[in-house]
Amino acid sequence: MSESQLRDALRQMLAVLEEERQALAGLDLDAIVGTTFDKDRLCGALDTLGAIHLDEECRSMLDAARRQNEVNRQVRNIIAANVTRRLNALTGSPQLYRIPPGYAMAGR
């Protein structure tokens, strides 16, 4: 993959991550699934990269993509936690899965 192909793939990834953020905000399941496929396709393209010298622009785009992906991951987790809480409240049943105390600390 050339530098221009890398830049193009990173620009596409940033656009897809923004689309995912919009889909998550609107709880648009079809769009969320679509962005998942797009991200997977772009990750495949980036995997073919191999060792290449990254210029400042590419590093900046990579960093922005990492940050946006992390924000989107956190939003997905918040949505999932809210759905679980609401379902438990509706059914009156306890949470089926609980994270053991200290588990989150083990990952740090």
Protein backbone atom coordinates (compact mmCIF):
# COMPACT_ATOMS: atom_id res chain seq x y z
CA MET A 1 0.00 0.00 0.00
CA SER A 2 1.41 3.36 -0.96
CA GLU A 3 1.27 6.48 1.20
CA SER A 4 -1.55 7.91 -0.90
CA GLN A 5 -3.55 4.67 -0.51
CA LEU A 6 -2.89 4.78 3.24
CA ARG A 7 -4.10 8.38 3.46
CA ASP A 8 -7.21 7.48 1.49
CA ALA A 9 -7.96 4.47 3.72
CA LEU A 10 -7.45 6.54 6.87
CA ARG A 11 -9.73 9.29 5.58
CA GLN A 12 -12.36 6.67 4.80
CA MET A 13 -11.94 5.15 8.28
CA LEU A 14 -12.43 8.54 9.91
CA ALA A 15 -15.58 9.08 7.83
CA VAL A 16 -16.91 5.63 8.76
CA LEU A 17 -16.19 6.23 12.45
CA GLU A 18 -18.14 9.49 12.24
CA GLU A 19 -21.01 7.66 10.52
CA GLU A 20 -20.91 5.08 13.32
CA ARG A 21 -21.10 7.86 15.92
CA GLN A 22 -24.15 9.28 14.16
CA ALA A 23 -25.74 5.82 13.92
CA LEU A 24 -25.14 5.18 17.61
CA ALA A 25 -26.62 8.56 18.52
CA GLY A 26 -29.72 7.77 16.48
CA LEU A 27 -29.84 4.11 17.56
CA ASP A 28 -29.99 3.22 13.85
CA LEU A 29 -29.28 -0.52 13.84
CA ASP A 30 -28.99 -0.83 10.05
CA ALA A 31 -26.43 1.99 9.94
CA ILE A 32 -24.51 0.52 12.89
CA VAL A 33 -24.27 -2.84 11.13
CA GLY A 34 -23.27 -1.12 7.89
CA THR A 35 -20.46 0.79 9.56
CA THR A 36 -19.28 -2.44 11.18
CA PHE A 37 -18.85 -4.00 7.74
CA ASP A 38 -17.14 -0.85 6.44
CA LYS A 39 -14.72 -0.78 9.38
CA ASP A 40 -13.91 -4.46 8.87
CA ARG A 41 -13.25 -3.88 5.16
CA LEU A 42 -10.99 -0.91 5.88
CA CYS A 43 -9.12 -2.81 8.60
CA GLY A 44 -8.46 -5.52 6.02
CA ALA A 45 -7.07 -2.92 3.65
CA LEU A 46 -4.89 -1.44 6.39
CA ASP A 47 -3.62 -4.93 7.32
CA THR A 48 -1.98 -5.15 3.90
CA LEU A 49 0.04 -2.08 4.82
CA GLY A 50 3.13 -3.81 6.12
CA ALA A 51 6.04 -1.65 7.23
CA ILE A 52 5.71 1.85 5.86
CA HIS A 53 7.05 5.16 7.05
CA LEU A 54 4.21 7.26 8.44
CA ASP A 55 4.36 10.97 7.88
CA GLU A 56 2.87 13.46 10.33
CA GLU A 57 -0.47 13.63 8.52
CA CYS A 58 -0.91 9.84 8.63
CA ARG A 59 0.09 9.71 12.31
CA SER A 60 -2.42 12.43 13.07
CA MET A 61 -5.21 10.59 11.24
CA LEU A 62 -4.31 7.31 12.97
CA ASP A 63 -4.44 9.02 16.35
CA ALA A 64 -7.79 10.64 15.54
CA ALA A 65 -9.18 7.27 14.40
CA ARG A 66 -8.03 5.59 17.62
CA ARG A 67 -9.67 8.29 19.73
CA GLN A 68 -12.93 8.19 17.77
CA ASN A 69 -13.05 4.40 17.88
CA GLU A 70 -12.57 4.50 21.66
CA VAL A 71 -15.37 7.06 22.06
CA ASN A 72 -17.66 4.92 19.91
CA ARG A 73 -16.77 1.83 21.96
CA GLN A 74 -17.66 3.64 25.17
CA VAL A 75 -20.97 4.83 23.70
CA ARG A 76 -21.80 1.24 22.64
CA ASN A 77 -21.07 0.05 26.18
CA ILE A 78 -23.27 2.77 27.70
CA ILE A 79 -26.14 1.87 25.36
CA ALA A 80 -25.77 -1.82 26.22
CA ALA A 81 -25.73 -1.06 29.96
CA ASN A 82 -28.86 1.10 29.64
CA VAL A 83 -30.70 -1.61 27.71
CA THR A 84 -29.75 -4.19 30.33
CA ARG A 85 -30.91 -1.92 33.15
CA ARG A 86 -34.23 -1.25 31.42
CA LEU A 87 -34.85 -4.91 30.63
CA ASN A 88 -34.10 -5.87 34.21
CA ALA A 89 -36.47 -3.19 35.47
CA LEU A 90 -39.23 -4.40 33.13
CA THR A 91 -38.85 -8.06 34.00
CA GLY A 92 -38.14 -7.50 37.66
CA SER A 93 -35.32 -9.99 37.37
CA PRO A 94 -31.78 -9.47 38.61
CA GLN A 95 -28.93 -8.85 36.28
CA LEU A 96 -27.90 -12.15 34.71
CA TYR A 97 -24.24 -11.23 34.47
CA ARG A 98 -22.33 -9.27 37.02
CA ILE A 99 -18.71 -8.23 36.80
CA PRO A 100 -16.89 -9.53 39.87
CA PRO A 101 -15.47 -6.87 42.19
CA GLY A 102 -11.91 -5.99 41.26
CA TYR A 103 -12.26 -7.35 37.73
CA ALA A 104 -12.04 -3.91 36.16
CA MET A 105 -8.94 -3.21 38.20
CA ALA A 106 -7.24 -6.34 36.84
CA GLY A 107 -7.30 -4.90 33.33
CA ARG A 108 -5.46 -1.74 34.32
